[in-house]
Amino acid sequence: MATIAETNVPKLQTWLDAIAVKDPARAAELLLRALEYHVPKLARTECATEVQEQPQTLRIVFVPPPKRTEESDAALSGG
């Protein structure tokens, strides 16, 4: 089966083009179905965690950028 599939891969574009002439939606559907064998689907994952009774506080601290000097400007400009 693998050999049959591999030898027909080059023909796939021709077949899809022929189908698309009469039914573009069907050609797109067939392409997507074929891609499922090339690009694996992501597996569904489940995450089970305990919910804390007291919500945690998220604290975001903004730090000011360093002060610009003539030396830092020259270093950034390559000069």
PDB file of N, CA and C in Angstrom:
ATOM      1  N   MET A   1       0.824  -1.202   0.000  1.00  0.00           N
ATOM      2  CA  MET A   1       0.000   0.000   0.000  1.00  0.00           C
ATOM      3  C   MET A   1       0.865   1.261   0.000  1.00  0.00           C
ATOM      4  N   ALA A   2       1.949   1.219   0.780  1.00  0.00           N
ATOM      5  CA  ALA A   2       2.824   2.391   0.833  1.00  0.00           C
ATOM      6  C   ALA A   2       3.417   2.697  -0.538  1.00  0.00           C
ATOM      7  N   THR A   3       3.802   1.662  -1.265  1.00  0.00           N
ATOM      8  CA  THR A   3       4.381   1.858  -2.594  1.00  0.00           C
ATOM      9  C   THR A   3       3.353   2.450  -3.553  1.00  0.00           C
ATOM     10  N   ILE A   4       2.128   1.954  -3.487  1.00  0.00           N
ATOM     11  CA  ILE A   4       1.061   2.500  -4.339  1.00  0.00           C
ATOM     12  C   ILE A   4       0.836   3.973  -4.023  1.00  0.00           C
ATOM     13  N   ALA A   5       0.797   4.303  -2.740  1.00  0.00           N
ATOM     14  CA  ALA A   5       0.591   5.700  -2.345  1.00  0.00           C
ATOM     15  C   ALA A   5       1.746   6.577  -2.827  1.00  0.00           C
ATOM     16  N   GLU A   6       2.979   6.117  -2.630  1.00  0.00           N
ATOM     17  CA  GLU A   6       4.147   6.904  -3.024  1.00  0.00           C
ATOM     18  C   GLU A   6       4.215   7.125  -4.536  1.00  0.00           C
ATOM     19  N   THR A   7       3.853   6.113  -5.314  1.00  0.00           N
ATOM     20  CA  THR A   7       3.935   6.276  -6.771  1.00  0.00           C
ATOM     21  C   THR A   7       2.834   7.180  -7.309  1.00  0.00           C
ATOM     22  N   ASN A   8       1.768   7.375  -6.566  1.00  0.00           N
ATOM     23  CA  ASN A   8       0.669   8.215  -7.035  1.00  0.00           C
ATOM     24  C   ASN A   8       0.720   9.645  -6.509  1.00  0.00           C
ATOM     25  N   VAL A   9       1.654   9.945  -5.635  1.00  0.00           N
ATOM     26  CA  VAL A   9       1.765  11.313  -5.102  1.00  0.00           C
ATOM     27  C   VAL A   9       1.972  12.334  -6.218  1.00  0.00           C
ATOM     28  N   PRO A  10       2.854  12.074  -7.200  1.00  0.00           N
ATOM     29  CA  PRO A  10       3.023  13.068  -8.267  1.00  0.00           C
ATOM     30  C   PRO A  10       1.742  13.312  -9.073  1.00  0.00           C
ATOM     31  N   LYS A  11       0.848  12.345  -9.134  1.00  0.00           N
ATOM     32  CA  LYS A  11      -0.389  12.487  -9.890  1.00  0.00           C
ATOM     33  C   LYS A  11      -1.453  13.273  -9.126  1.00  0.00           C
ATOM     34  N   LEU A  12      -1.257  13.421  -7.833  1.00  0.00           N
ATOM     35  CA  LEU A  12      -2.272  14.051  -6.986  1.00  0.00           C
ATOM     36  C   LEU A  12      -2.626  15.459  -7.462  1.00  0.00           C
ATOM     37  N   GLN A  13      -1.633  16.256  -7.810  1.00  0.00           N
ATOM     38  CA  GLN A  13      -1.902  17.622  -8.272  1.00  0.00           C
ATOM     39  C   GLN A  13      -2.747  17.622  -9.533  1.00  0.00           C
ATOM     40  N   THR A  14      -2.443  16.730 -10.470  1.00  0.00           N
ATOM     41  CA  THR A  14      -3.212  16.633 -11.712  1.00  0.00           C
ATOM     42  C   THR A  14      -4.660  16.260 -11.420  1.00  0.00           C
ATOM     43  N   TRP A  15      -4.842  15.298 -10.526  1.00  0.00           N
ATOM     44  CA  TRP A  15      -6.195  14.873 -10.168  1.00  0.00           C
ATOM     45  C   TRP A  15      -6.975  16.003  -9.509  1.00  0.00           C
ATOM     46  N   LEU A  16      -6.318  16.701  -8.568  1.00  0.00           N
ATOM     47  CA  LEU A  16      -7.000  17.806  -7.886  1.00  0.00           C
ATOM     48  C   LEU A  16      -7.359  18.922  -8.866  1.00  0.00           C
ATOM     49  N   ASP A  17      -6.461  19.217  -9.801  1.00  0.00           N
ATOM     50  CA  ASP A  17      -6.754  20.246 -10.804  1.00  0.00           C
ATOM     51  C   ASP A  17      -7.959  19.860 -11.650  1.00  0.00           C
ATOM     52  N   ALA A  18      -8.049  18.583 -12.028  1.00  0.00           N
ATOM     53  CA  ALA A  18      -9.170  18.125 -12.847  1.00  0.00           C
ATOM     54  C   ALA A  18     -10.490  18.212 -12.078  1.00  0.00           C
ATOM     55  N   ILE A  19     -10.463  17.853 -10.815  1.00  0.00           N
ATOM     56  CA  ILE A  19     -11.667  17.931  -9.988  1.00  0.00           C
ATOM     57  C   ILE A  19     -12.075  19.382  -9.759  1.00  0.00           C
ATOM     58  N   ALA A  20     -11.083  20.253  -9.570  1.00  0.00           N
ATOM     59  CA  ALA A  20     -11.347  21.663  -9.267  1.00  0.00           C
ATOM     60  C   ALA A  20     -12.048  22.380 -10.412  1.00  0.00           C
ATOM     61  N   VAL A  21     -11.878  21.892 -11.647  1.00  0.00           N
ATOM     62  CA  VAL A  21     -12.539  22.518 -12.795  1.00  0.00           C
ATOM     63  C   VAL A  21     -14.055  22.472 -12.611  1.00  0.00           C
ATOM     64  N   LYS A  22     -14.567  21.332 -12.169  1.00  0.00           N
ATOM     65  CA  LYS A  22     -16.014  21.186 -11.998  1.00  0.00           C
ATOM     66  C   LYS A  22     -16.484  21.508 -10.592  1.00  0.00           C
ATOM     67  N   ASP A  23     -15.637  21.224  -9.590  1.00  0.00           N
ATOM     68  CA  ASP A  23     -16.073  21.383  -8.197  1.00  0.00           C
ATOM     69  C   ASP A  23     -14.887  21.794  -7.316  1.00  0.00           C
ATOM     70  N   PRO A  24     -14.576  23.099  -7.263  1.00  0.00           N
ATOM     71  CA  PRO A  24     -13.435  23.566  -6.469  1.00  0.00           C
ATOM     72  C   PRO A  24     -13.539  23.204  -4.980  1.00  0.00           C
ATOM     73  N   ALA A  25     -14.755  23.239  -4.442  1.00  0.00           N
ATOM     74  CA  ALA A  25     -14.926  22.912  -3.019  1.00  0.00           C
ATOM     75  C   ALA A  25     -14.558  21.456  -2.752  1.00  0.00           C
ATOM     76  N   ARG A  26     -14.939  20.579  -3.667  1.00  0.00           N
ATOM     77  CA  ARG A  26     -14.618  19.157  -3.513  1.00  0.00           C
ATOM     78  C   ARG A  26     -13.108  18.946  -3.605  1.00  0.00           C
ATOM     79  N   ALA A  27     -12.446  19.658  -4.495  1.00  0.00           N
ATOM     80  CA  ALA A  27     -10.992  19.542  -4.616  1.00  0.00           C
ATOM     81  C   ALA A  27     -10.312  20.003  -3.335  1.00  0.00           C
ATOM     82  N   ALA A  28     -10.796  21.090  -2.766  1.00  0.00           N
ATOM     83  CA  ALA A  28     -10.223  21.584  -1.505  1.00  0.00           C
ATOM     84  C   ALA A  28     -10.448  20.577  -0.386  1.00  0.00           C
ATOM     85  N   GLU A  29     -11.638  19.989  -0.355  1.00  0.00           N
ATOM     86  CA  GLU A  29     -11.948  18.987   0.674  1.00  0.00           C
ATOM     87  C   GLU A  29     -11.015  17.777   0.547  1.00  0.00           C
ATOM     88  N   LEU A  30     -10.794  17.316  -0.671  1.00  0.00           N
ATOM     89  CA  LEU A  30      -9.912  16.171  -0.880  1.00  0.00           C
ATOM     90  C   LEU A  30      -8.468  16.499  -0.507  1.00  0.00           C
ATOM     91  N   LEU A  31      -8.038  17.713  -0.816  1.00  0.00           N
ATOM     92  CA  LEU A  31      -6.686  18.126  -0.435  1.00  0.00           C
ATOM     93  C   LEU A  31      -6.536  18.123   1.081  1.00  0.00           C
ATOM     94  N   LEU A  32      -7.523  18.679   1.782  1.00  0.00           N
ATOM     95  CA  LEU A  32      -7.459  18.702   3.247  1.00  0.00           C
ATOM     96  C   LEU A  32      -7.453  17.291   3.825  1.00  0.00           C
ATOM     97  N   ARG A  33      -8.232  16.406   3.230  1.00  0.00           N
ATOM     98  CA  ARG A  33      -8.248  15.016   3.704  1.00  0.00           C
ATOM     99  C   ARG A  33      -6.900  14.342   3.477  1.00  0.00           C
ATOM    100  N   ALA A  34      -6.261  14.634   2.350  1.00  0.00           N
ATOM    101  CA  ALA A  34      -4.946  14.050   2.077  1.00  0.00           C
ATOM    102  C   ALA A  34      -3.888  14.618   3.018  1.00  0.00           C
ATOM    103  N   LEU A  35      -4.006  15.903   3.344  1.00  0.00           N
ATOM    104  CA  LEU A  35      -3.030  16.537   4.232  1.00  0.00           C
ATOM    105  C   LEU A  35      -3.045  15.947   5.637  1.00  0.00           C
ATOM    106  N   GLU A  36      -4.172  15.366   6.045  1.00  0.00           N
ATOM    107  CA  GLU A  36      -4.239  14.756   7.371  1.00  0.00           C
ATOM    108  C   GLU A  36      -3.216  13.630   7.518  1.00  0.00           C
ATOM    109  N   TYR A  37      -2.818  13.029   6.420  1.00  0.00           N
ATOM    110  CA  TYR A  37      -1.828  11.961   6.476  1.00  0.00           C
ATOM    111  C   TYR A  37      -0.406  12.494   6.429  1.00  0.00           C
ATOM    112  N   HIS A  38      -0.254  13.745   6.090  1.00  0.00           N
ATOM    113  CA  HIS A  38       1.075  14.353   6.032  1.00  0.00           C
ATOM    114  C   HIS A  38       1.357  15.205   7.261  1.00  0.00           C
ATOM    115  N   VAL A  39       0.386  16.003   7.667  1.00  0.00           N
ATOM    116  CA  VAL A  39       0.529  16.877   8.836  1.00  0.00           C
ATOM    117  C   VAL A  39      -0.308  16.280   9.963  1.00  0.00           C
ATOM    118  N   PRO A  40       0.351  15.783  11.007  1.00  0.00           N
ATOM    119  CA  PRO A  40      -0.423  15.137  12.071  1.00  0.00           C
ATOM    120  C   PRO A  40      -1.304  16.137  12.817  1.00  0.00           C
ATOM    121  N   LYS A  41      -2.464  15.659  13.226  1.00  0.00           N
ATOM    122  CA  LYS A  41      -3.359  16.495  14.020  1.00  0.00           C
ATOM    123  C   LYS A  41      -2.818  16.575  15.443  1.00  0.00           C
ATOM    124  N   LEU A  42      -3.070  17.687  16.077  1.00  0.00           N
ATOM    125  CA  LEU A  42      -2.665  17.831  17.472  1.00  0.00           C
ATOM    126  C   LEU A  42      -3.584  16.994  18.342  1.00  0.00           C
ATOM    127  N   ALA A  43      -2.992  16.339  19.306  1.00  0.00           N
ATOM    128  CA  ALA A  43      -3.784  15.519  20.214  1.00  0.00           C
ATOM    129  C   ALA A  43      -4.462  16.412  21.243  1.00  0.00           C
ATOM    130  N   ARG A  44      -5.623  16.005  21.641  1.00  0.00           N
ATOM    131  CA  ARG A  44      -6.336  16.734  22.682  1.00  0.00           C
ATOM    132  C   ARG A  44      -5.680  16.395  24.012  1.00  0.00           C
ATOM    133  N   THR A  45      -5.392  17.408  24.793  1.00  0.00           N
ATOM    134  CA  THR A  45      -4.788  17.184  26.106  1.00  0.00           C
ATOM    135  C   THR A  45      -5.703  17.722  27.183  1.00  0.00           C
ATOM    136  N   GLU A  46      -5.606  17.124  28.326  1.00  0.00           N
ATOM    137  CA  GLU A  46      -6.430  17.538  29.447  1.00  0.00           C
ATOM    138  C   GLU A  46      -5.509  17.860  30.604  1.00  0.00           C
ATOM    139  N   CYS A  47      -5.779  18.957  31.254  1.00  0.00           N
ATOM    140  CA  CYS A  47      -4.968  19.375  32.392  1.00  0.00           C
ATOM    141  C   CYS A  47      -5.875  19.455  33.619  1.00  0.00           C
ATOM    142  N   ALA A  48      -5.562  18.658  34.607  1.00  0.00           N
ATOM    143  CA  ALA A  48      -6.368  18.659  35.830  1.00  0.00           C
ATOM    144  C   ALA A  48      -5.521  19.235  36.965  1.00  0.00           C
ATOM    145  N   THR A  49      -5.912  20.384  37.464  1.00  0.00           N
ATOM    146  CA  THR A  49      -5.211  21.002  38.584  1.00  0.00           C
ATOM    147  C   THR A  49      -6.225  21.407  39.637  1.00  0.00           C
ATOM    148  N   GLU A  50      -5.742  21.523  40.840  1.00  0.00           N
ATOM    149  CA  GLU A  50      -6.618  21.960  41.915  1.00  0.00           C
ATOM    150  C   GLU A  50      -6.711  23.480  41.908  1.00  0.00           C
ATOM    151  N   VAL A  51      -7.889  23.994  42.093  1.00  0.00           N
ATOM    152  CA  VAL A  51      -8.104  25.432  42.127  1.00  0.00           C
ATOM    153  C   VAL A  51      -7.909  25.912  43.554  1.00  0.00           C
ATOM    154  N   GLN A  52      -7.101  26.939  43.693  1.00  0.00           N
ATOM    155  CA  GLN A  52      -6.863  27.491  45.033  1.00  0.00           C
ATOM    156  C   GLN A  52      -8.064  28.313  45.458  1.00  0.00           C
ATOM    157  N   GLU A  53      -8.354  28.244  46.757  1.00  0.00           N
ATOM    158  CA  GLU A  53      -9.500  29.009  47.266  1.00  0.00           C
ATOM    159  C   GLU A  53      -9.240  30.505  47.211  1.00  0.00           C
ATOM    160  N   GLN A  54      -8.047  30.928  47.527  1.00  0.00           N
ATOM    161  CA  GLN A  54      -7.687  32.343  47.516  1.00  0.00           C
ATOM    162  C   GLN A  54      -6.937  32.634  46.209  1.00  0.00           C
ATOM    163  N   PRO A  55      -7.448  33.510  45.380  1.00  0.00           N
ATOM    164  CA  PRO A  55      -6.730  33.811  44.131  1.00  0.00           C
ATOM    165  C   PRO A  55      -5.391  34.497  44.422  1.00  0.00           C
ATOM    166  N   GLN A  56      -4.406  34.169  43.619  1.00  0.00           N
ATOM    167  CA  GLN A  56      -3.090  34.777  43.765  1.00  0.00           C
ATOM    168  C   GLN A  56      -3.093  36.144  43.085  1.00  0.00           C
ATOM    169  N   THR A  57      -2.312  37.043  43.605  1.00  0.00           N
ATOM    170  CA  THR A  57      -2.206  38.384  43.034  1.00  0.00           C
ATOM    171  C   THR A  57      -1.038  38.415  42.067  1.00  0.00           C
ATOM    172  N   LEU A  58      -1.301  38.909  40.892  1.00  0.00           N
ATOM    173  CA  LEU A  58      -0.256  39.081  39.900  1.00  0.00           C
ATOM    174  C   LEU A  58       0.235  40.513  39.998  1.00  0.00           C
ATOM    175  N   ARG A  59       1.522  40.672  40.175  1.00  0.00           N
ATOM    176  CA  ARG A  59       2.096  42.007  40.319  1.00  0.00           C
ATOM    177  C   ARG A  59       3.039  42.250  39.148  1.00  0.00           C
ATOM    178  N   ILE A  60       2.784  43.324  38.421  1.00  0.00           N
ATOM    179  CA  ILE A  60       3.621  43.696  37.279  1.00  0.00           C
ATOM    180  C   ILE A  60       4.371  44.961  37.644  1.00  0.00           C
ATOM    181  N   VAL A  61       5.674  44.893  37.506  1.00  0.00           N
ATOM    182  CA  VAL A  61       6.517  46.039  37.838  1.00  0.00           C
ATOM    183  C   VAL A  61       7.162  46.542  36.555  1.00  0.00           C
ATOM    184  N   PHE A  62       6.946  47.809  36.248  1.00  0.00           N
ATOM    185  CA  PHE A  62       7.560  48.417  35.081  1.00  0.00           C
ATOM    186  C   PHE A  62       8.852  49.098  35.511  1.00  0.00           C
ATOM    187  N   VAL A  63       9.930  48.724  34.850  1.00  0.00           N
ATOM    188  CA  VAL A  63      11.229  49.300  35.165  1.00  0.00           C
ATOM    189  C   VAL A  63      11.560  50.295  34.066  1.00  0.00           C
ATOM    190  N   PRO A  64      11.902  51.532  34.438  1.00  0.00           N
ATOM    191  CA  PRO A  64      12.220  52.520  33.398  1.00  0.00           C
ATOM    192  C   PRO A  64      13.490  52.107  32.651  1.00  0.00           C
ATOM    193  N   PRO A  65      13.556  52.427  31.364  1.00  0.00           N
ATOM    194  CA  PRO A  65      14.758  52.089  30.600  1.00  0.00           C
ATOM    195  C   PRO A  65      15.941  52.910  31.092  1.00  0.00           C
ATOM    196  N   PRO A  66      17.161  52.429  30.844  1.00  0.00           N
ATOM    197  CA  PRO A  66      18.333  53.194  31.284  1.00  0.00           C
ATOM    198  C   PRO A  66      18.391  54.533  30.552  1.00  0.00           C
ATOM    199  N   LYS A  67      18.966  55.520  31.217  1.00  0.00           N
ATOM    200  CA  LYS A  67      19.080  56.852  30.616  1.00  0.00           C
ATOM    201  C   LYS A  67      20.053  56.816  29.453  1.00  0.00           C
ATOM    202  N   ARG A  68      19.682  57.524  28.378  1.00  0.00           N
ATOM    203  CA  ARG A  68      20.536  57.585  27.202  1.00  0.00           C
ATOM    204  C   ARG A  68      21.658  58.579  27.430  1.00  0.00           C
ATOM    205  N   THR A  69      22.822  58.203  26.934  1.00  0.00           N
ATOM    206  CA  THR A  69      23.981  59.097  26.983  1.00  0.00           C
ATOM    207  C   THR A  69      24.554  59.190  25.577  1.00  0.00           C
ATOM    208  N   GLU A  70      25.494  60.102  25.379  1.00  0.00           N
ATOM    209  CA  GLU A  70      26.129  60.229  24.075  1.00  0.00           C
ATOM    210  C   GLU A  70      26.891  58.944  23.712  1.00  0.00           C
ATOM    211  N   GLU A  71      27.496  58.301  24.739  1.00  0.00           N
ATOM    212  CA  GLU A  71      28.246  57.067  24.491  1.00  0.00           C
ATOM    213  C   GLU A  71      27.307  55.932  24.064  1.00  0.00           C
ATOM    214  N   SER A  72      26.145  55.832  24.722  1.00  0.00           N
ATOM    215  CA  SER A  72      25.213  54.751  24.369  1.00  0.00           C
ATOM    216  C   SER A  72      24.609  54.994  22.985  1.00  0.00           C
ATOM    217  N   ASP A  73      24.322  56.275  22.655  1.00  0.00           N
ATOM    218  CA  ASP A  73      23.802  56.568  21.321  1.00  0.00           C
ATOM    219  C   ASP A  73      24.854  56.243  20.250  1.00  0.00           C
ATOM    220  N   ALA A  74      26.116  56.549  20.526  1.00  0.00           N
ATOM    221  CA  ALA A  74      27.175  56.259  19.552  1.00  0.00           C
ATOM    222  C   ALA A  74      27.339  54.750  19.383  1.00  0.00           C
ATOM    223  N   ALA A  75      27.233  53.994  20.475  1.00  0.00           N
ATOM    224  CA  ALA A  75      27.384  52.541  20.407  1.00  0.00           C
ATOM    225  C   ALA A  75      26.234  51.923  19.615  1.00  0.00           C
ATOM    226  N   LEU A  76      25.024  52.453  19.772  1.00  0.00           N
ATOM    227  CA  LEU A  76      23.872  51.920  19.042  1.00  0.00           C
ATOM    228  C   LEU A  76      23.937  52.247  17.561  1.00  0.00           C
ATOM    229  N   SER A  77      24.486  53.417  17.229  1.00  0.00           N
ATOM    230  CA  SER A  77      24.558  53.815  15.817  1.00  0.00           C
ATOM    231  C   SER A  77      25.778  53.240  15.116  1.00  0.00           C
ATOM    232  N   GLY A  78      26.644  52.553  15.867  1.00  0.00           N
ATOM    233  CA  GLY A  78      27.831  51.949  15.269  1.00  0.00           C
ATOM    234  C   GLY A  78      28.978  52.928  15.081  1.00  0.00           C
ATOM    235  N   GLY A  79      28.879  54.041  15.704  1.00  0.00           N
ATOM    236  CA  GLY A  79      29.903  55.056  15.468  1.00  0.00           C
ATOM    237  C   GLY A  79      30.715  55.358  16.614  1.00  0.00           C
TER     238      GLY A  79
END
